[in-house]
Amino acid sequence: MKKVFLFGYYGFGNLGDELLCAYYTSLLGAHFPELKLIILRDKPNEQEIEYKTVSRWNLWQLSKMMAPGDLLVGGGGSIFQDATSKRSLFYYLALLRLAGWRRLEIILAGQGLGPLSSLGRRLVGPYLNSALGISCRDQWSLATLVEMGVNRPLLYLGVDPLWDFQAPELLFKPAKRRYRPSALGFFFRKEERKRKQRLLFRLKLRFEGLRLITLFPEDYPVAEVVSQEIGASPPLLLTEVRDLAAIAPELTMVIGERLHGLLLAAKYGLPGIGLSNDPKIKAFCQQMEWPCFSWQDLCVENLMVMAIEEILSDLGSAEQQVLQKRTEMEKKAREERDWFLQLIEQTLVK
């Protein structure tokens, strides 16, 4: 029986990455039941009976499990980057090298490339050229591949895979919206705390409601302290989609430092603004035609307030634009899913 090894930033508690894992697990299980699915996680789940989970760190064990003709599938995320950790990048390159040594076909789906240092680009390019196919979630990531000289795999420009993720909690029903006129959700990261505190305090004073929302456990303690300092309600840690479903109907719009926070909010029909130095946030906002600001921008606090007021001044039009963009993105995600499944089918019949 052929095996599929599915990897990503799985098992660390980040809601976006856990949803990506669930998405690809469901997709592969439904369309290729004849394959043995093996998930690489930080901590294996011994209780799982539908598929096998193994420690991502035990490359020796993985080497013994891999056999020629198996598949290594990268399921979404920004894993090929060295802005937050060079050690993480070296791990993923070692995994690709191991797969190549064991003669596995490599497919990387829904990828966000970078940020990469000049050294990182020189290292990553040759490894990615060993893949059979790579789909990118945005134009910026695809351009990064081209700049690195990655031209051997089949390349596909898609969108984030979570646009195709289906869950009952993600069904947006406008009639049930009960938001206040200016209730803001802020998807929070722990970085830039001092500047962020000043911005959040100003937003709390200017607008009717403000709620900090975290998708990653490491962000929550800092968000809790900041919420207390500015006199806001306690932050919310999202561990499941239903956690966002509980608060989304009360929000008017969102501000995001987390990509998948913005994406999930858009699936609910909420307008948004990006705030990050990370190019993936900028790329997503370009796709959605949303404003996006960086901490390097001069007078970013003033720019943010003006952007929020502009959206609130014509909220109906902003919501309608989100719904239209959501339809477009979900269509592109389905097309990318078909490309991904067809590529695996072609690989299996070789």
Protein backbone atom coordinates (compact mmCIF):
# COMPACT_ATOMS: atom_id res chain seq x y z
CA MET A 1 0.00 0.00 0.00
CA LYS A 2 1.39 3.38 -1.00
CA LYS A 3 1.73 6.00 1.70
CA VAL A 4 1.17 9.77 1.78
CA PHE A 5 3.19 11.73 4.32
CA LEU A 6 1.38 15.02 5.04
CA PHE A 7 3.40 17.79 6.68
CA GLY A 8 3.05 21.43 7.69
CA TYR A 9 3.24 23.45 10.88
CA TYR A 10 0.97 20.94 12.58
CA GLY A 11 0.61 20.24 16.28
CA PHE A 12 1.66 23.62 17.71
CA GLY A 13 -1.79 25.00 18.53
CA ASN A 14 -2.08 27.57 15.74
CA LEU A 15 -5.72 27.45 14.60
CA GLY A 16 -4.97 28.28 10.97
CA ASP A 17 -2.43 25.49 10.61
CA GLU A 18 -4.66 22.99 12.42
CA LEU A 19 -7.48 23.81 10.00
CA LEU A 20 -5.08 23.28 7.08
CA CYS A 21 -4.20 19.88 8.53
CA ALA A 22 -7.88 19.00 8.88
CA TYR A 23 -8.59 20.19 5.33
CA TYR A 24 -5.89 18.13 3.63
CA THR A 25 -6.54 15.12 5.85
CA SER A 26 -10.21 15.13 4.85
CA LEU A 27 -9.41 15.77 1.19
CA LEU A 28 -6.86 12.98 0.87
CA GLY A 29 -8.91 10.53 2.91
CA ALA A 30 -12.04 11.12 0.84
CA HIS A 31 -10.44 10.90 -2.61
CA PHE A 32 -7.68 8.35 -2.03
CA PRO A 33 -8.93 5.82 0.53
CA GLU A 34 -6.54 3.24 -0.92
CA LEU A 35 -3.55 5.22 0.36
CA LYS A 36 -2.19 5.06 3.88
CA LEU A 37 -2.23 8.59 5.26
CA ILE A 38 0.48 9.55 7.75
CA ILE A 39 0.42 12.98 9.43
CA LEU A 40 3.64 14.57 10.70
CA ARG A 41 2.91 16.47 13.93
CA ASP A 42 4.79 17.98 16.82
CA LYS A 43 3.20 15.45 19.18
CA PRO A 44 1.62 12.32 17.65
CA ASN A 45 -1.97 11.50 18.56
CA GLU A 46 -1.96 7.89 19.70
CA GLN A 47 -5.77 7.84 19.95
CA GLU A 48 -6.35 8.58 16.26
CA ILE A 49 -7.71 5.52 14.44
CA GLU A 50 -8.58 6.92 10.99
CA TYR A 51 -4.98 7.71 10.11
CA LYS A 52 -1.53 7.45 11.63
CA THR A 53 0.31 10.36 13.21
CA VAL A 54 4.06 10.33 13.80
CA SER A 55 6.56 12.72 15.32
CA ARG A 56 7.79 15.19 12.74
CA TRP A 57 11.12 15.35 14.55
CA ASN A 58 12.09 11.69 14.23
CA LEU A 59 13.58 11.72 10.74
CA TRP A 60 15.20 8.33 11.36
CA GLN A 61 11.79 6.76 11.97
CA LEU A 62 10.37 8.52 8.92
CA SER A 63 13.22 7.25 6.78
CA LYS A 64 12.42 3.66 7.72
CA MET A 65 8.72 4.20 6.93
CA MET A 66 9.28 5.81 3.52
CA ALA A 67 9.53 3.74 0.36
CA PRO A 68 10.00 4.59 -3.34
CA GLY A 69 6.69 5.60 -4.89
CA ASP A 70 5.27 7.11 -1.70
CA LEU A 71 4.24 10.78 -1.61
CA LEU A 72 5.37 13.67 0.55
CA VAL A 73 2.71 16.39 0.57
CA GLY A 74 3.16 19.85 2.06
CA GLY A 75 -0.25 21.05 3.10
CA GLY A 76 -0.38 24.84 3.17
CA GLY A 77 1.22 27.50 5.33
CA SER A 78 4.33 29.68 5.28
CA ILE A 79 6.83 26.99 6.13
CA PHE A 80 9.61 27.96 3.73
CA GLN A 81 10.73 31.17 5.44
CA ASP A 82 13.52 32.18 7.78
CA ALA A 83 12.20 35.45 9.21
CA THR A 84 10.98 33.82 12.43
CA SER A 85 13.27 30.78 12.58
CA LYS A 86 16.17 29.47 10.52
CA ARG A 87 16.02 26.22 12.46
CA SER A 88 12.49 25.61 11.19
CA LEU A 89 13.57 26.21 7.61
CA PHE A 90 16.49 23.79 7.95
CA TYR A 91 14.09 21.15 9.26
CA TYR A 92 11.80 21.40 6.22
CA LEU A 93 14.76 21.31 3.85
CA ALA A 94 16.04 18.20 5.63
CA LEU A 95 12.62 16.62 5.21
CA LEU A 96 12.64 17.34 1.47
CA ARG A 97 16.15 15.94 1.18
CA LEU A 98 15.10 12.79 3.01
CA ALA A 99 12.13 12.35 0.69
CA GLY A 100 14.37 12.78 -2.34
CA TRP A 101 16.87 10.27 -1.00
CA ARG A 102 14.06 7.75 -0.43
CA ARG A 103 12.69 8.50 -3.95
CA LEU A 104 9.34 9.95 -2.93
CA GLU A 105 7.37 12.30 -5.18
CA ILE A 106 7.00 15.73 -3.55
CA ILE A 107 3.91 17.91 -3.95
CA LEU A 108 3.66 21.25 -2.15
CA ALA A 109 0.15 22.73 -2.04
CA GLY A 110 -1.20 26.08 -0.89
CA GLN A 111 2.24 27.45 -0.15
CA GLY A 112 3.15 30.93 1.03
CA LEU A 113 6.83 31.54 0.27
CA GLY A 114 9.02 33.76 2.41
CA PRO A 115 10.11 36.05 3.78
CA LEU A 116 13.53 34.59 2.96
CA SER A 117 16.94 36.09 3.48
CA SER A 118 19.43 36.04 0.60
CA LEU A 119 21.02 32.95 2.16
CA GLY A 120 17.60 31.36 2.58
CA ARG A 121 16.78 31.91 -1.10
CA ARG A 122 20.04 30.29 -2.19
CA LEU A 123 19.35 27.28 0.03
CA VAL A 124 15.65 26.82 -0.72
CA GLY A 125 15.64 27.10 -4.51
CA PRO A 126 17.42 23.79 -5.32
CA TYR A 127 15.30 21.86 -2.82
CA LEU A 128 12.02 23.18 -4.22
CA ASN A 129 13.19 22.27 -7.73
CA SER A 130 13.02 18.63 -6.62
CA ALA A 131 9.22 18.85 -6.22
CA LEU A 132 6.79 17.49 -8.79
CA GLY A 133 4.36 20.38 -8.36
CA ILE A 134 3.92 23.51 -6.24
CA SER A 135 0.79 25.62 -5.86
CA CYS A 136 1.12 29.09 -4.34
CA ARG A 137 -1.56 30.94 -2.45
CA ASP A 138 -0.65 34.37 -3.83
CA GLN A 139 1.20 36.14 -6.63
CA TRP A 140 3.98 37.29 -4.29
CA SER A 141 4.87 33.68 -3.41
CA LEU A 142 4.85 32.61 -7.04
CA ALA A 143 7.12 35.53 -7.95
CA THR A 144 9.49 34.48 -5.17
CA LEU A 145 9.73 30.99 -6.69
CA VAL A 146 10.51 32.43 -10.11
CA GLU A 147 13.15 34.76 -8.68
CA MET A 148 14.83 31.78 -6.97
CA GLY A 149 15.00 29.91 -10.26
CA VAL A 150 12.42 27.27 -9.33
CA ASN A 151 11.28 26.10 -12.77
CA ARG A 152 11.28 22.30 -12.77
CA PRO A 153 8.03 21.63 -10.84
CA LEU A 154 4.58 22.29 -12.25
CA LEU A 155 3.62 25.68 -10.82
CA TYR A 156 0.08 26.82 -10.07
CA LEU A 157 -1.19 30.18 -8.82
CA GLY A 158 -4.07 29.64 -6.45
CA VAL A 159 -5.36 31.04 -3.18
CA ASP A 160 -5.20 29.96 0.43
CA PRO A 161 -6.63 26.42 0.78
CA LEU A 162 -8.85 27.47 3.69
CA TRP A 163 -11.11 29.26 1.21
CA ASP A 164 -12.21 25.72 0.31
CA PHE A 165 -12.53 24.58 3.93
CA GLN A 166 -16.12 23.70 4.74
CA ALA A 167 -17.59 23.78 8.24
CA PRO A 168 -21.14 24.44 9.48
CA GLU A 169 -19.81 27.24 11.68
CA LEU A 170 -18.58 29.10 8.58
CA LEU A 171 -22.03 29.53 7.06
CA PHE A 172 -22.59 33.27 7.10
CA LYS A 173 -26.19 34.34 7.68
CA PRO A 174 -26.63 38.14 7.38
CA ALA A 175 -30.05 38.05 9.08
CA LYS A 176 -28.43 36.91 12.31
CA ARG A 177 -25.90 39.75 12.45
CA ARG A 178 -26.30 41.69 15.68
CA TYR A 179 -23.17 43.82 15.66
CA ARG A 180 -22.81 47.29 17.12
CA PRO A 181 -22.11 50.14 14.68
CA SER A 182 -18.37 50.18 15.33
CA ALA A 183 -17.38 46.95 17.10
CA LEU A 184 -13.85 46.00 16.04
CA GLY A 185 -12.13 42.63 16.24
CA PHE A 186 -8.33 42.77 16.34
CA PHE A 187 -6.37 39.61 15.44
CA PHE A 188 -3.41 40.04 17.73
CA ARG A 189 0.27 39.07 17.60
CA LYS A 190 2.60 39.57 20.55
CA GLU A 191 5.20 41.59 18.59
CA GLU A 192 5.37 45.42 18.57
CA ARG A 193 3.66 45.53 21.95
CA LYS A 194 4.34 49.16 22.92
CA ARG A 195 3.27 50.68 19.60
CA LYS A 196 0.31 48.33 19.47
CA GLN A 197 -0.79 49.35 22.94
CA ARG A 198 -0.94 53.00 21.89
CA LEU A 199 -2.90 52.14 18.74
CA LEU A 200 -5.35 49.88 20.56
CA PHE A 201 -5.96 52.44 23.30
CA ARG A 202 -6.75 55.04 20.65
CA LEU A 203 -9.11 52.65 18.84
CA LYS A 204 -10.90 51.83 22.07
CA LEU A 205 -11.49 55.50 22.80
CA ARG A 206 -12.53 56.35 19.24
CA PHE A 207 -14.88 53.46 18.50
CA GLU A 208 -17.63 51.74 20.41
CA GLY A 209 -16.12 48.30 21.03
CA LEU A 210 -12.77 46.54 20.70
CA ARG A 211 -11.99 42.84 21.21
CA LEU A 212 -8.54 41.28 20.93
CA ILE A 213 -8.55 37.84 19.31
CA THR A 214 -5.63 35.38 19.21
CA LEU A 215 -5.14 32.28 17.06
CA PHE A 216 -1.87 31.14 18.63
CA PRO A 217 -1.48 30.25 22.35
CA GLU A 218 1.83 32.15 22.64
CA ASP A 219 0.06 35.41 21.72
CA TYR A 220 -2.62 35.11 24.39
CA PRO A 221 -0.67 36.13 27.55
CA VAL A 222 0.54 39.35 25.91
CA ALA A 223 -2.96 40.07 24.56
CA GLU A 224 -4.33 39.56 28.08
CA VAL A 225 -1.90 42.08 29.57
CA VAL A 226 -2.56 44.64 26.82
CA SER A 227 -6.33 44.25 27.20
CA GLN A 228 -6.02 45.01 30.92
CA GLU A 229 -3.76 48.00 30.28
CA ILE A 230 -6.19 49.64 27.85
CA GLY A 231 -9.31 48.65 29.78
CA ALA A 232 -10.73 46.34 27.11
CA SER A 233 -12.64 43.09 27.51
CA PRO A 234 -10.54 39.94 28.03
CA PRO A 235 -9.09 38.60 24.78
CA LEU A 236 -10.43 35.53 23.04
CA LEU A 237 -8.20 32.57 22.17
CA LEU A 238 -9.55 30.74 19.13
CA THR A 239 -8.97 27.00 19.34
CA GLU A 240 -11.87 26.01 17.08
CA VAL A 241 -13.86 27.67 14.31
CA ARG A 242 -16.91 27.72 16.58
CA ASP A 243 -15.05 30.14 18.89
CA LEU A 244 -15.02 32.72 16.13
CA ALA A 245 -18.59 31.85 15.18
CA ALA A 246 -19.67 32.91 18.66
CA ILE A 247 -18.26 36.42 18.37
CA ALA A 248 -18.36 37.17 14.62
CA PRO A 249 -22.06 38.20 14.53
CA GLU A 250 -21.27 40.94 17.06
CA LEU A 251 -18.41 42.46 15.05
CA THR A 252 -18.62 45.17 12.43
CA MET A 253 -15.16 44.63 10.94
CA VAL A 254 -11.74 43.24 11.78
CA ILE A 255 -8.10 44.33 11.83
CA GLY A 256 -5.64 41.56 11.29
CA GLU A 257 -2.07 40.60 12.07
CA ARG A 258 -2.90 36.93 11.45
CA LEU A 259 -3.61 35.79 7.90
CA HIS A 260 -6.10 33.09 8.75
CA GLY A 261 -7.92 35.36 11.17
CA LEU A 262 -8.56 37.74 8.29
CA LEU A 263 -9.55 34.89 6.01
CA LEU A 264 -12.03 33.35 8.44
CA ALA A 265 -13.53 36.78 9.11
CA ALA A 266 -13.94 37.29 5.37
CA LYS A 267 -15.78 33.97 5.14
CA TYR A 268 -18.26 35.49 7.59
CA GLY A 269 -18.59 38.56 5.37
CA LEU A 270 -16.70 40.92 7.68
CA PRO A 271 -14.67 43.74 6.06
CA GLY A 272 -11.07 43.99 7.19
CA ILE A 273 -7.78 45.85 7.31
CA GLY A 274 -4.34 44.27 7.39
CA LEU A 275 -1.63 45.42 9.81
CA SER A 276 1.70 43.66 9.49
CA ASN A 277 5.23 43.77 8.14
CA ASP A 278 4.66 40.25 6.78
CA PRO A 279 4.21 40.16 2.98
CA LYS A 280 1.60 37.40 3.23
CA ILE A 281 -0.80 39.81 4.95
CA LYS A 282 -0.20 42.41 2.25
CA ALA A 283 -0.72 39.79 -0.48
CA PHE A 284 -4.02 38.66 1.06
CA CYS A 285 -5.28 42.24 1.38
CA GLN A 286 -4.41 42.86 -2.25
CA GLN A 287 -6.51 39.84 -3.21
CA MET A 288 -9.41 41.17 -1.13
CA GLU A 289 -8.85 44.82 -2.15
CA TRP A 290 -8.53 45.75 1.53
CA PRO A 291 -6.33 48.45 3.06
CA CYS A 292 -3.09 47.17 4.56
CA PHE A 293 -0.57 48.99 6.72
CA SER A 294 2.87 48.22 8.10
CA TRP A 295 4.45 49.24 11.38
CA GLN A 296 7.06 50.99 9.23
CA ASP A 297 4.42 53.37 7.84
CA LEU A 298 4.64 56.93 9.10
CA CYS A 299 1.65 57.93 11.27
CA VAL A 300 0.25 54.39 11.02
CA GLU A 301 -2.19 55.11 13.87
CA ASN A 302 -3.74 58.02 11.95
CA LEU A 303 -3.88 56.00 8.73
CA MET A 304 -5.60 53.14 10.55
CA VAL A 305 -8.26 55.39 12.10
CA MET A 306 -9.01 57.03 8.74
CA ALA A 307 -9.29 53.63 7.01
CA ILE A 308 -11.70 52.35 9.67
CA GLU A 309 -13.85 55.46 9.44
CA GLU A 310 -13.99 55.17 5.65
CA ILE A 311 -15.23 51.57 5.87
CA LEU A 312 -17.79 52.43 8.56
CA SER A 313 -19.09 55.37 6.51
CA ASP A 314 -20.36 52.96 3.84
CA LEU A 315 -20.51 49.64 5.64
CA GLY A 316 -23.11 48.12 3.33
CA SER A 317 -20.89 48.54 0.27
CA ALA A 318 -17.88 47.16 2.15
CA GLU A 319 -19.82 44.06 3.19
CA GLN A 320 -21.11 43.53 -0.33
CA GLN A 321 -17.57 43.71 -1.69
CA VAL A 322 -16.42 41.08 0.83
CA LEU A 323 -19.18 38.71 -0.21
CA GLN A 324 -18.30 39.17 -3.88
CA LYS A 325 -14.61 38.56 -3.21
CA ARG A 326 -15.45 35.55 -1.06
CA THR A 327 -17.31 33.97 -3.98
CA GLU A 328 -14.34 34.58 -6.29
CA MET A 329 -11.80 33.19 -3.83
CA GLU A 330 -13.85 30.08 -3.08
CA LYS A 331 -14.15 29.39 -6.81
CA LYS A 332 -10.37 29.70 -7.24
CA ALA A 333 -9.83 27.42 -4.25
CA ARG A 334 -12.03 24.73 -5.80
CA GLU A 335 -10.06 24.99 -9.04
CA GLU A 336 -6.80 24.62 -7.12
CA ARG A 337 -8.22 21.62 -5.26
CA ASP A 338 -9.01 19.95 -8.61
CA TRP A 339 -5.45 20.66 -9.81
CA PHE A 340 -4.01 19.14 -6.64
CA LEU A 341 -6.14 15.99 -6.81
CA GLN A 342 -5.44 15.50 -10.51
CA LEU A 343 -1.70 15.81 -9.92
CA ILE A 344 -1.83 13.11 -7.25
CA GLU A 345 -3.89 10.84 -9.52
CA GLN A 346 -1.35 11.24 -12.32
CA THR A 347 1.46 10.45 -9.89
CA LEU A 348 -0.20 7.27 -8.64
CA VAL A 349 -0.63 5.78 -12.13
CA LYS A 350 3.03 6.18 -13.05
